[in-house]
Amino acid sequence: MEGEIGRFRRRHLVPLPKTTTLVGLAELVAAGDTTDDDRVITGRTTTVGIAFAVEQPTLMPLPGEVFDPRVLESRRVDQRARVSIRQCHYSVPARYAGRRLTVRLGATTVEVLDAGKVVATHTRAIGRYVQVLALDHYLEVLARKPGAFPGATVLAQAKAAGTFTRSHQAYWDACRERRTAMPAGPVS
């Protein structure tokens, strides 16, 4: 078994595949598994896929109860409306800054919950010090501080991903207009 795992790794994962998500990596592994179904092991007369089809009826059935492998953790939201999980940062709506929320950490997703209600869902990042930010989580900050938006990391990520829409631009323009139209406070 260990020899087969090493062979699979060398055949399908060397050189290291270029992928940015765990979902992409899982797809590469599944494609390698499918390719290996047509392989004939030295000294055997049938393919791996046919041998498994013969053996499959003798295997025990899967358990009936549902098993959730995700881990629940409690995290404090920082002042930039992010939770830090395994050296990566994931955004939550800005109103949660400073609060402690529950994080449901899966192999491919990160869900952030407030009293059992999901407030943010992200695809899990690969690597360290990655920031996964959702533009919509910061719209309430944009209403108060539209001038801080041009240099924001979340804006750069949204534009690169194509999620910065005309609606977002119109909202930003309206926030800036409203901010500049506000009367100045009393001068001392």
N, C-alpha and C. Protein backbone atom coordinates (compact mmCIF):
# COMPACT_ATOMS: atom_id res chain seq x y z
N MET A 1 0.82 -1.19 0.00
CA MET A 1 0.00 0.00 0.00
C MET A 1 0.87 1.26 0.00
N GLU A 2 1.86 1.32 0.89
CA GLU A 2 2.71 2.50 0.95
C GLU A 2 3.49 2.68 -0.35
N GLY A 3 3.90 1.58 -0.95
CA GLY A 3 4.60 1.66 -2.23
C GLY A 3 3.72 2.24 -3.31
N GLU A 4 2.43 1.87 -3.31
CA GLU A 4 1.49 2.39 -4.30
C GLU A 4 1.25 3.89 -4.10
N ILE A 5 1.22 4.32 -2.85
CA ILE A 5 1.04 5.76 -2.59
C ILE A 5 2.24 6.53 -3.12
N GLY A 6 3.43 6.01 -2.88
CA GLY A 6 4.64 6.65 -3.40
C GLY A 6 4.65 6.69 -4.92
N ARG A 7 4.24 5.57 -5.55
CA ARG A 7 4.18 5.52 -7.01
C ARG A 7 3.17 6.54 -7.54
N PHE A 8 2.01 6.63 -6.91
CA PHE A 8 0.99 7.60 -7.34
C PHE A 8 1.52 9.03 -7.23
N ARG A 9 2.16 9.33 -6.12
CA ARG A 9 2.71 10.67 -5.91
C ARG A 9 3.74 11.00 -6.98
N ARG A 10 4.66 10.07 -7.24
CA ARG A 10 5.69 10.33 -8.25
C ARG A 10 5.10 10.47 -9.65
N ARG A 11 4.10 9.66 -9.96
CA ARG A 11 3.53 9.65 -11.31
C ARG A 11 2.62 10.85 -11.57
N HIS A 12 1.84 11.28 -10.58
CA HIS A 12 0.81 12.29 -10.81
C HIS A 12 1.06 13.63 -10.11
N LEU A 13 1.96 13.68 -9.13
CA LEU A 13 2.15 14.91 -8.38
C LEU A 13 3.58 15.45 -8.42
N VAL A 14 4.39 14.91 -9.34
CA VAL A 14 5.75 15.40 -9.54
C VAL A 14 5.91 15.72 -11.01
N PRO A 15 6.30 16.93 -11.39
CA PRO A 15 6.55 18.07 -10.51
C PRO A 15 5.26 18.53 -9.84
N LEU A 16 5.41 19.36 -8.81
CA LEU A 16 4.26 19.83 -8.07
C LEU A 16 3.25 20.47 -9.01
N PRO A 17 1.97 20.08 -8.90
CA PRO A 17 0.96 20.69 -9.78
C PRO A 17 0.71 22.15 -9.43
N LYS A 18 0.38 22.93 -10.42
CA LYS A 18 0.07 24.36 -10.23
C LYS A 18 -1.43 24.49 -9.98
N THR A 19 -1.80 24.69 -8.73
CA THR A 19 -3.20 24.89 -8.37
C THR A 19 -3.25 25.87 -7.21
N THR A 20 -4.34 26.62 -7.13
CA THR A 20 -4.45 27.62 -6.07
C THR A 20 -5.47 27.23 -5.01
N THR A 21 -6.21 26.15 -5.24
CA THR A 21 -7.23 25.75 -4.26
C THR A 21 -7.11 24.26 -3.97
N LEU A 22 -7.65 23.86 -2.84
CA LEU A 22 -7.68 22.44 -2.50
C LEU A 22 -8.64 21.68 -3.40
N VAL A 23 -9.68 22.36 -3.88
CA VAL A 23 -10.62 21.73 -4.81
C VAL A 23 -9.88 21.36 -6.10
N GLY A 24 -9.04 22.28 -6.59
CA GLY A 24 -8.24 21.99 -7.79
C GLY A 24 -7.30 20.83 -7.57
N LEU A 25 -6.69 20.75 -6.40
CA LEU A 25 -5.80 19.64 -6.08
C LEU A 25 -6.57 18.33 -6.03
N ALA A 26 -7.76 18.35 -5.43
CA ALA A 26 -8.60 17.14 -5.36
C ALA A 26 -9.00 16.66 -6.76
N GLU A 27 -9.25 17.61 -7.66
CA GLU A 27 -9.58 17.24 -9.05
C GLU A 27 -8.39 16.58 -9.73
N LEU A 28 -7.18 17.07 -9.48
CA LEU A 28 -5.98 16.45 -10.06
C LEU A 28 -5.79 15.03 -9.54
N VAL A 29 -6.02 14.83 -8.24
CA VAL A 29 -5.88 13.50 -7.65
C VAL A 29 -6.94 12.56 -8.23
N ALA A 30 -8.18 13.04 -8.38
CA ALA A 30 -9.25 12.22 -8.96
C ALA A 30 -8.94 11.84 -10.40
N ALA A 31 -8.38 12.78 -11.17
CA ALA A 31 -8.00 12.47 -12.56
C ALA A 31 -6.90 11.42 -12.60
N GLY A 32 -5.93 11.51 -11.69
CA GLY A 32 -4.88 10.51 -11.62
C GLY A 32 -5.43 9.15 -11.23
N ASP A 33 -6.39 9.13 -10.34
CA ASP A 33 -7.04 7.89 -9.92
C ASP A 33 -7.77 7.24 -11.09
N THR A 34 -8.48 8.05 -11.86
CA THR A 34 -9.19 7.54 -13.03
C THR A 34 -8.21 6.98 -14.06
N THR A 35 -7.10 7.67 -14.27
CA THR A 35 -6.07 7.19 -15.20
C THR A 35 -5.51 5.85 -14.74
N ASP A 36 -5.32 5.71 -13.44
CA ASP A 36 -4.75 4.46 -12.91
C ASP A 36 -5.71 3.28 -13.02
N ASP A 37 -7.00 3.51 -13.21
CA ASP A 37 -7.94 2.40 -13.38
C ASP A 37 -7.60 1.56 -14.61
N ASP A 38 -6.93 2.15 -15.60
CA ASP A 38 -6.57 1.44 -16.82
C ASP A 38 -5.18 0.80 -16.74
N ARG A 39 -4.51 0.93 -15.61
CA ARG A 39 -3.16 0.42 -15.44
C ARG A 39 -3.19 -1.07 -15.09
N VAL A 40 -2.23 -1.82 -15.63
CA VAL A 40 -2.09 -3.24 -15.29
C VAL A 40 -0.83 -3.37 -14.44
N ILE A 41 -1.00 -3.89 -13.23
CA ILE A 41 0.13 -4.10 -12.32
C ILE A 41 0.96 -5.27 -12.84
N THR A 42 2.27 -5.13 -12.77
CA THR A 42 3.18 -6.17 -13.26
C THR A 42 2.84 -7.51 -12.61
N GLY A 43 2.70 -8.55 -13.46
CA GLY A 43 2.39 -9.88 -12.97
C GLY A 43 0.90 -10.18 -12.91
N ARG A 44 0.07 -9.18 -13.16
CA ARG A 44 -1.39 -9.38 -13.15
C ARG A 44 -1.91 -9.39 -14.59
N THR A 45 -3.11 -9.92 -14.77
CA THR A 45 -3.66 -9.99 -16.13
C THR A 45 -4.79 -8.98 -16.36
N THR A 46 -5.30 -8.37 -15.28
CA THR A 46 -6.42 -7.43 -15.44
C THR A 46 -6.00 -6.03 -15.00
N THR A 47 -6.79 -5.06 -15.38
CA THR A 47 -6.50 -3.68 -14.98
C THR A 47 -6.91 -3.46 -13.52
N VAL A 48 -6.42 -2.39 -12.96
CA VAL A 48 -6.76 -2.04 -11.58
C VAL A 48 -8.27 -1.81 -11.45
N GLY A 49 -8.88 -1.16 -12.43
CA GLY A 49 -10.32 -0.89 -12.40
C GLY A 49 -11.15 -2.16 -12.40
N ILE A 50 -10.78 -3.12 -13.23
CA ILE A 50 -11.52 -4.40 -13.30
C ILE A 50 -11.33 -5.17 -11.99
N ALA A 51 -10.11 -5.20 -11.45
CA ALA A 51 -9.85 -5.90 -10.19
C ALA A 51 -10.69 -5.30 -9.06
N PHE A 52 -10.83 -3.96 -9.04
CA PHE A 52 -11.64 -3.33 -8.00
C PHE A 52 -13.12 -3.67 -8.18
N ALA A 53 -13.59 -3.70 -9.42
CA ALA A 53 -15.00 -4.04 -9.68
C ALA A 53 -15.32 -5.45 -9.20
N VAL A 54 -14.36 -6.37 -9.31
CA VAL A 54 -14.56 -7.74 -8.83
C VAL A 54 -14.58 -7.77 -7.30
N GLU A 55 -13.71 -6.99 -6.67
CA GLU A 55 -13.59 -6.99 -5.20
C GLU A 55 -14.69 -6.18 -4.51
N GLN A 56 -15.23 -5.18 -5.17
CA GLN A 56 -16.16 -4.23 -4.54
C GLN A 56 -17.37 -4.89 -3.85
N PRO A 57 -18.01 -5.92 -4.44
CA PRO A 57 -19.17 -6.52 -3.75
C PRO A 57 -18.84 -7.16 -2.40
N THR A 58 -17.58 -7.52 -2.18
CA THR A 58 -17.20 -8.16 -0.92
C THR A 58 -16.88 -7.15 0.19
N LEU A 59 -16.80 -5.87 -0.16
CA LEU A 59 -16.47 -4.84 0.82
C LEU A 59 -17.68 -4.51 1.68
N MET A 60 -17.44 -4.08 2.90
CA MET A 60 -18.53 -3.69 3.80
C MET A 60 -19.15 -2.39 3.31
N PRO A 61 -20.45 -2.20 3.57
CA PRO A 61 -21.08 -0.94 3.16
C PRO A 61 -20.60 0.21 4.05
N LEU A 62 -20.75 1.42 3.53
CA LEU A 62 -20.38 2.60 4.30
C LEU A 62 -21.35 2.76 5.47
N PRO A 63 -20.91 3.37 6.58
CA PRO A 63 -21.80 3.58 7.72
C PRO A 63 -23.01 4.44 7.33
N GLY A 64 -24.13 4.21 7.98
CA GLY A 64 -25.35 4.94 7.67
C GLY A 64 -25.40 6.34 8.26
N GLU A 65 -24.74 6.55 9.40
CA GLU A 65 -24.81 7.87 10.03
C GLU A 65 -23.88 8.86 9.33
N VAL A 66 -24.29 10.12 9.37
CA VAL A 66 -23.52 11.19 8.74
C VAL A 66 -22.37 11.59 9.66
N PHE A 67 -21.20 11.77 9.08
CA PHE A 67 -20.04 12.21 9.84
C PHE A 67 -19.56 13.51 9.25
N ASP A 68 -19.49 14.54 10.08
CA ASP A 68 -19.00 15.84 9.65
C ASP A 68 -17.54 15.98 10.08
N PRO A 69 -16.60 15.93 9.14
CA PRO A 69 -15.19 15.98 9.52
C PRO A 69 -14.67 17.39 9.79
N ARG A 70 -15.51 18.40 9.61
CA ARG A 70 -15.05 19.78 9.80
C ARG A 70 -14.78 20.05 11.29
N VAL A 71 -13.84 20.94 11.53
CA VAL A 71 -13.43 21.28 12.88
C VAL A 71 -14.07 22.62 13.27
N LEU A 72 -14.59 22.71 14.48
CA LEU A 72 -15.14 23.96 15.00
C LEU A 72 -14.10 24.62 15.89
N GLU A 73 -13.85 25.89 15.62
CA GLU A 73 -12.90 26.66 16.41
C GLU A 73 -13.49 28.03 16.71
N SER A 74 -13.07 28.62 17.80
CA SER A 74 -13.51 29.97 18.15
C SER A 74 -12.38 30.93 17.81
N ARG A 75 -12.72 32.01 17.10
CA ARG A 75 -11.71 32.99 16.68
C ARG A 75 -12.21 34.40 16.93
N ARG A 76 -11.29 35.29 17.28
CA ARG A 76 -11.61 36.71 17.43
C ARG A 76 -11.41 37.39 16.08
N VAL A 77 -12.36 38.24 15.71
CA VAL A 77 -12.28 39.00 14.47
C VAL A 77 -11.39 40.22 14.73
N ASP A 78 -10.37 40.44 13.88
CA ASP A 78 -9.48 41.57 14.09
C ASP A 78 -10.13 42.88 13.62
N GLN A 79 -9.42 43.98 13.78
CA GLN A 79 -9.97 45.30 13.44
C GLN A 79 -10.14 45.50 11.94
N ARG A 80 -9.57 44.62 11.14
CA ARG A 80 -9.74 44.68 9.69
C ARG A 80 -10.84 43.73 9.21
N ALA A 81 -11.66 43.26 10.15
CA ALA A 81 -12.79 42.36 9.88
C ALA A 81 -12.33 41.06 9.23
N ARG A 82 -11.31 40.43 9.84
CA ARG A 82 -10.78 39.17 9.35
C ARG A 82 -10.62 38.21 10.52
N VAL A 83 -10.78 36.92 10.22
CA VAL A 83 -10.41 35.89 11.20
C VAL A 83 -9.16 35.21 10.67
N SER A 84 -8.27 34.87 11.57
CA SER A 84 -7.02 34.22 11.20
C SER A 84 -7.14 32.73 11.49
N ILE A 85 -6.91 31.93 10.44
CA ILE A 85 -7.01 30.48 10.57
C ILE A 85 -5.81 29.86 9.86
N ARG A 86 -4.98 29.16 10.62
CA ARG A 86 -3.82 28.48 10.06
C ARG A 86 -2.98 29.41 9.19
N GLN A 87 -2.67 30.58 9.70
CA GLN A 87 -1.80 31.58 9.08
C GLN A 87 -2.38 32.20 7.81
N CYS A 88 -3.70 32.11 7.63
CA CYS A 88 -4.39 32.78 6.53
C CYS A 88 -5.51 33.64 7.13
N HIS A 89 -5.88 34.70 6.43
CA HIS A 89 -6.93 35.61 6.91
C HIS A 89 -8.14 35.54 5.99
N TYR A 90 -9.34 35.46 6.58
CA TYR A 90 -10.60 35.38 5.85
C TYR A 90 -11.51 36.50 6.35
N SER A 91 -12.14 37.23 5.42
CA SER A 91 -12.96 38.37 5.81
C SER A 91 -14.33 37.94 6.32
N VAL A 92 -14.89 38.80 7.16
CA VAL A 92 -16.27 38.68 7.63
C VAL A 92 -16.88 40.08 7.51
N PRO A 93 -18.20 40.21 7.55
CA PRO A 93 -18.77 41.55 7.51
C PRO A 93 -18.17 42.43 8.61
N ALA A 94 -17.90 43.69 8.26
CA ALA A 94 -17.17 44.61 9.14
C ALA A 94 -17.82 44.80 10.50
N ARG A 95 -19.12 44.64 10.61
CA ARG A 95 -19.79 44.86 11.90
C ARG A 95 -19.36 43.85 12.97
N TYR A 96 -18.68 42.78 12.57
CA TYR A 96 -18.23 41.76 13.53
C TYR A 96 -16.83 42.03 14.08
N ALA A 97 -16.19 43.11 13.67
CA ALA A 97 -14.82 43.42 14.14
C ALA A 97 -14.78 43.46 15.66
N GLY A 98 -13.81 42.78 16.22
CA GLY A 98 -13.63 42.75 17.67
C GLY A 98 -14.42 41.66 18.38
N ARG A 99 -15.32 40.99 17.70
CA ARG A 99 -16.14 39.94 18.34
C ARG A 99 -15.50 38.57 18.18
N ARG A 100 -15.93 37.65 19.00
CA ARG A 100 -15.47 36.26 18.91
C ARG A 100 -16.56 35.47 18.18
N LEU A 101 -16.16 34.78 17.09
CA LEU A 101 -17.09 34.00 16.28
C LEU A 101 -16.61 32.56 16.16
N THR A 102 -17.51 31.68 15.78
CA THR A 102 -17.18 30.28 15.56
C THR A 102 -16.80 30.08 14.11
N VAL A 103 -15.76 29.30 13.88
CA VAL A 103 -15.30 28.99 12.53
C VAL A 103 -15.46 27.49 12.32
N ARG A 104 -16.07 27.12 11.20
CA ARG A 104 -16.20 25.71 10.82
C ARG A 104 -15.20 25.48 9.69
N LEU A 105 -14.11 24.78 9.99
CA LEU A 105 -12.99 24.60 9.08
C LEU A 105 -13.06 23.23 8.43
N GLY A 106 -13.25 23.23 7.12
CA GLY A 106 -13.27 21.98 6.36
C GLY A 106 -12.04 21.89 5.47
N ALA A 107 -11.95 20.82 4.70
CA ALA A 107 -10.80 20.63 3.82
C ALA A 107 -10.79 21.65 2.69
N THR A 108 -11.97 22.07 2.23
CA THR A 108 -12.03 22.98 1.09
C THR A 108 -12.73 24.30 1.39
N THR A 109 -13.41 24.39 2.52
CA THR A 109 -14.16 25.62 2.83
C THR A 109 -13.90 26.09 4.25
N VAL A 110 -14.15 27.39 4.45
CA VAL A 110 -14.11 28.01 5.77
C VAL A 110 -15.44 28.73 5.94
N GLU A 111 -16.19 28.36 6.97
CA GLU A 111 -17.46 29.04 7.27
C GLU A 111 -17.31 29.74 8.61
N VAL A 112 -17.78 30.98 8.68
CA VAL A 112 -17.74 31.73 9.92
C VAL A 112 -19.18 31.90 10.38
N LEU A 113 -19.43 31.57 11.66
CA LEU A 113 -20.79 31.58 12.19
C LEU A 113 -20.92 32.52 13.38
N ASP A 114 -22.09 33.14 13.48
CA ASP A 114 -22.45 33.95 14.64
C ASP A 114 -23.73 33.36 15.21
N ALA A 115 -23.64 32.76 16.38
CA ALA A 115 -24.78 32.12 17.03
C ALA A 115 -25.44 31.10 16.10
N GLY A 116 -24.65 30.31 15.39
CA GLY A 116 -25.16 29.26 14.53
C GLY A 116 -25.53 29.71 13.13
N LYS A 117 -25.57 31.01 12.87
CA LYS A 117 -25.91 31.54 11.54
C LYS A 117 -24.63 31.82 10.76
N VAL A 118 -24.55 31.31 9.53
CA VAL A 118 -23.36 31.51 8.70
C VAL A 118 -23.32 32.96 8.24
N VAL A 119 -22.22 33.66 8.56
CA VAL A 119 -22.07 35.07 8.16
C VAL A 119 -21.03 35.25 7.06
N ALA A 120 -20.19 34.24 6.82
CA ALA A 120 -19.20 34.30 5.75
C ALA A 120 -18.79 32.88 5.37
N THR A 121 -18.61 32.68 4.06
CA THR A 121 -18.13 31.40 3.53
C THR A 121 -17.05 31.69 2.51
N HIS A 122 -15.93 31.00 2.64
CA HIS A 122 -14.80 31.20 1.72
C HIS A 122 -14.25 29.85 1.29
N THR A 123 -13.64 29.81 0.10
CA THR A 123 -12.86 28.66 -0.31
C THR A 123 -11.56 28.72 0.48
N ARG A 124 -11.15 27.60 1.00
CA ARG A 124 -9.95 27.57 1.84
C ARG A 124 -8.71 27.89 1.01
N ALA A 125 -7.85 28.71 1.56
CA ALA A 125 -6.64 29.13 0.87
C ALA A 125 -5.54 28.09 1.01
N ILE A 126 -4.68 28.06 0.01
CA ILE A 126 -3.49 27.20 0.06
C ILE A 126 -2.30 28.12 0.30
N GLY A 127 -1.46 27.74 1.21
CA GLY A 127 -0.28 28.53 1.50
C GLY A 127 -0.40 29.23 2.84
N ARG A 128 0.57 30.12 3.09
CA ARG A 128 0.59 30.87 4.34
C ARG A 128 0.48 32.35 4.03
N TYR A 129 -0.09 33.07 4.97
CA TYR A 129 -0.22 34.53 4.90
C TYR A 129 -1.06 34.99 3.70
N VAL A 130 -2.00 34.18 3.28
CA VAL A 130 -2.91 34.53 2.19
C VAL A 130 -4.11 35.25 2.80
N GLN A 131 -4.59 36.29 2.11
CA GLN A 131 -5.79 36.99 2.54
C GLN A 131 -6.91 36.67 1.55
N VAL A 132 -8.01 36.12 2.06
CA VAL A 132 -9.18 35.83 1.23
C VAL A 132 -10.25 36.81 1.68
N LEU A 133 -10.48 37.83 0.86
CA LEU A 133 -11.36 38.93 1.25
C LEU A 133 -12.53 39.05 0.28
N ALA A 134 -13.72 39.29 0.83
CA ALA A 134 -14.93 39.48 0.02
C ALA A 134 -15.30 40.96 0.05
N LEU A 135 -15.42 41.56 -1.11
CA LEU A 135 -15.72 42.99 -1.22
C LEU A 135 -16.99 43.37 -0.46
N ASP A 136 -18.02 42.56 -0.56
CA ASP A 136 -19.30 42.90 0.08
C ASP A 136 -19.20 42.98 1.60
N HIS A 137 -18.19 42.36 2.19
CA HIS A 137 -18.02 42.45 3.65
C HIS A 137 -17.59 43.85 4.09
N TYR A 138 -17.10 44.66 3.17
CA TYR A 138 -16.55 45.97 3.52
C TYR A 138 -17.42 47.13 3.03
N LEU A 139 -18.59 46.86 2.49
CA LEU A 139 -19.42 47.94 1.95
C LEU A 139 -19.90 48.90 3.03
N GLU A 140 -20.16 48.41 4.23
CA GLU A 140 -20.59 49.31 5.31
C GLU A 140 -19.46 50.25 5.74
N VAL A 141 -18.21 49.82 5.62
CA VAL A 141 -17.07 50.70 5.90
C VAL A 141 -16.94 51.73 4.79
N LEU A 142 -17.20 51.30 3.57
CA LEU A 142 -17.11 52.20 2.42
C LEU A 142 -18.06 53.39 2.57
N ALA A 143 -19.22 53.17 3.15
CA ALA A 143 -20.18 54.26 3.34
C ALA A 143 -19.61 55.33 4.27
N ARG A 144 -18.81 54.91 5.26
CA ARG A 144 -18.24 55.87 6.22
C ARG A 144 -16.91 56.44 5.76
N LYS A 145 -16.11 55.64 5.04
CA LYS A 145 -14.76 56.05 4.65
C LYS A 145 -14.50 55.75 3.18
N PRO A 146 -15.18 56.44 2.26
CA PRO A 146 -14.98 56.13 0.84
C PRO A 146 -13.59 56.49 0.33
N GLY A 147 -12.88 57.36 1.01
CA GLY A 147 -11.54 57.75 0.58
C GLY A 147 -10.49 56.69 0.86
N ALA A 148 -10.77 55.75 1.74
CA ALA A 148 -9.80 54.72 2.09
C ALA A 148 -9.83 53.55 1.11
N PHE A 149 -10.82 53.54 0.24
CA PHE A 149 -11.05 52.40 -0.63
C PHE A 149 -10.04 52.23 -1.76
N PRO A 150 -9.53 53.30 -2.40
CA PRO A 150 -8.67 53.11 -3.58
C PRO A 150 -7.45 52.21 -3.35
N GLY A 151 -6.82 52.25 -2.18
CA GLY A 151 -5.63 51.45 -1.94
C GLY A 151 -5.90 50.14 -1.21
N ALA A 152 -7.16 49.79 -1.05
CA ALA A 152 -7.52 48.62 -0.24
C ALA A 152 -7.21 47.31 -0.97
N THR A 153 -6.70 46.35 -0.22
CA THR A 153 -6.40 45.02 -0.77
C THR A 153 -7.66 44.37 -1.30
N VAL A 154 -8.78 44.54 -0.59
CA VAL A 154 -10.03 43.91 -1.02
C VAL A 154 -10.46 44.43 -2.38
N LEU A 155 -10.23 45.70 -2.67
CA LEU A 155 -10.58 46.27 -3.98
C LEU A 155 -9.70 45.66 -5.07
N ALA A 156 -8.41 45.54 -4.81
CA ALA A 156 -7.50 44.95 -5.79
C ALA A 156 -7.88 43.50 -6.08
N GLN A 157 -8.22 42.73 -5.02
CA GLN A 157 -8.63 41.34 -5.22
C GLN A 157 -9.93 41.25 -6.01
N ALA A 158 -10.90 42.12 -5.70
CA ALA A 158 -12.19 42.09 -6.39
C ALA A 158 -12.03 42.44 -7.86
N LYS A 159 -11.20 43.43 -8.17
CA LYS A 159 -10.97 43.80 -9.57
C LYS A 159 -10.26 42.67 -10.32
N ALA A 160 -9.28 42.05 -9.68
CA ALA A 160 -8.54 40.95 -10.32
C ALA A 160 -9.45 39.75 -10.58
N ALA A 161 -10.38 39.50 -9.67
CA ALA A 161 -11.29 38.36 -9.80
C ALA A 161 -12.50 38.67 -10.67
N GLY A 162 -12.67 39.95 -11.02
CA GLY A 162 -13.82 40.34 -11.83
C GLY A 162 -15.11 40.45 -11.05
N THR A 163 -15.03 40.58 -9.72
CA THR A 163 -16.23 40.68 -8.90
C THR A 163 -16.58 42.12 -8.55
N PHE A 164 -15.77 43.06 -8.98
CA PHE A 164 -16.07 44.48 -8.79
C PHE A 164 -16.97 44.91 -9.95
N THR A 165 -18.26 45.05 -9.67
CA THR A 165 -19.26 45.29 -10.71
C THR A 165 -19.58 46.77 -10.86
N ARG A 166 -20.41 47.08 -11.85
CA ARG A 166 -20.89 48.46 -12.03
C ARG A 166 -21.69 48.91 -10.82
N SER A 167 -22.42 47.99 -10.21
CA SER A 167 -23.19 48.32 -9.01
C SER A 167 -22.27 48.75 -7.88
N HIS A 168 -21.15 48.05 -7.73
CA HIS A 168 -20.17 48.45 -6.71
C HIS A 168 -19.61 49.84 -7.00
N GLN A 169 -19.28 50.09 -8.28
CA GLN A 169 -18.75 51.39 -8.66
C GLN A 169 -19.77 52.50 -8.39
N ALA A 170 -21.04 52.24 -8.72
CA ALA A 170 -22.10 53.24 -8.49
C ALA A 170 -22.26 53.51 -6.99
N TYR A 171 -22.19 52.47 -6.18
CA TYR A 171 -22.31 52.63 -4.73
C TYR A 171 -21.14 53.46 -4.19
N TRP A 172 -19.94 53.16 -4.66
CA TRP A 172 -18.74 53.89 -4.23
C TRP A 172 -18.86 55.35 -4.63
N ASP A 173 -19.27 55.63 -5.87
CA ASP A 173 -19.44 57.00 -6.33
C ASP A 173 -20.46 57.74 -5.48
N ALA A 174 -21.57 57.08 -5.16
CA ALA A 174 -22.62 57.70 -4.34
C ALA A 174 -22.10 58.00 -2.93
N CYS A 175 -21.29 57.09 -2.37
CA CYS A 175 -20.72 57.32 -1.03
C CYS A 175 -19.78 58.52 -1.05
N ARG A 176 -18.94 58.61 -2.08
CA ARG A 176 -18.01 59.75 -2.18
C ARG A 176 -18.77 61.05 -2.36
N GLU A 177 -19.82 61.02 -3.20
CA GLU A 177 -20.62 62.22 -3.43
C GLU A 177 -21.29 62.69 -2.14
N ARG A 178 -21.90 61.75 -1.44
CA ARG A 178 -22.58 62.08 -0.19
C ARG A 178 -21.60 62.62 0.84
N ARG A 179 -20.40 62.04 0.86
CA ARG A 179 -19.39 62.47 1.83
C ARG A 179 -18.90 63.89 1.55
N THR A 180 -18.70 64.23 0.27
CA THR A 180 -18.24 65.56 -0.07
C THR A 180 -19.34 66.60 0.04
N ALA A 181 -20.60 66.15 -0.05
CA ALA A 181 -21.74 67.08 0.05
C ALA A 181 -22.10 67.40 1.50
N MET A 182 -21.56 66.61 2.45
CA MET A 182 -21.89 66.86 3.86
C MET A 182 -21.31 68.18 4.31
N PRO A 183 -22.07 68.98 5.07
CA PRO A 183 -21.53 70.25 5.57
C PRO A 183 -20.40 70.00 6.55
N ALA A 184 -19.43 70.87 6.50
CA ALA A 184 -18.28 70.75 7.41
C ALA A 184 -18.72 71.10 8.82
N GLY A 185 -18.08 70.50 9.78
CA GLY A 185 -18.41 70.77 11.19
C GLY A 185 -17.95 72.17 11.59
N PRO A 186 -18.30 72.60 12.78
CA PRO A 186 -17.91 73.94 13.22
C PRO A 186 -16.39 74.06 13.33
N VAL A 187 -15.89 75.20 12.92
CA VAL A 187 -14.45 75.45 12.95
C VAL A 187 -14.12 76.12 14.27
N SER A 188 -13.12 75.59 14.95
CA SER A 188 -12.75 76.15 16.26
C SER A 188 -11.73 77.23 16.12
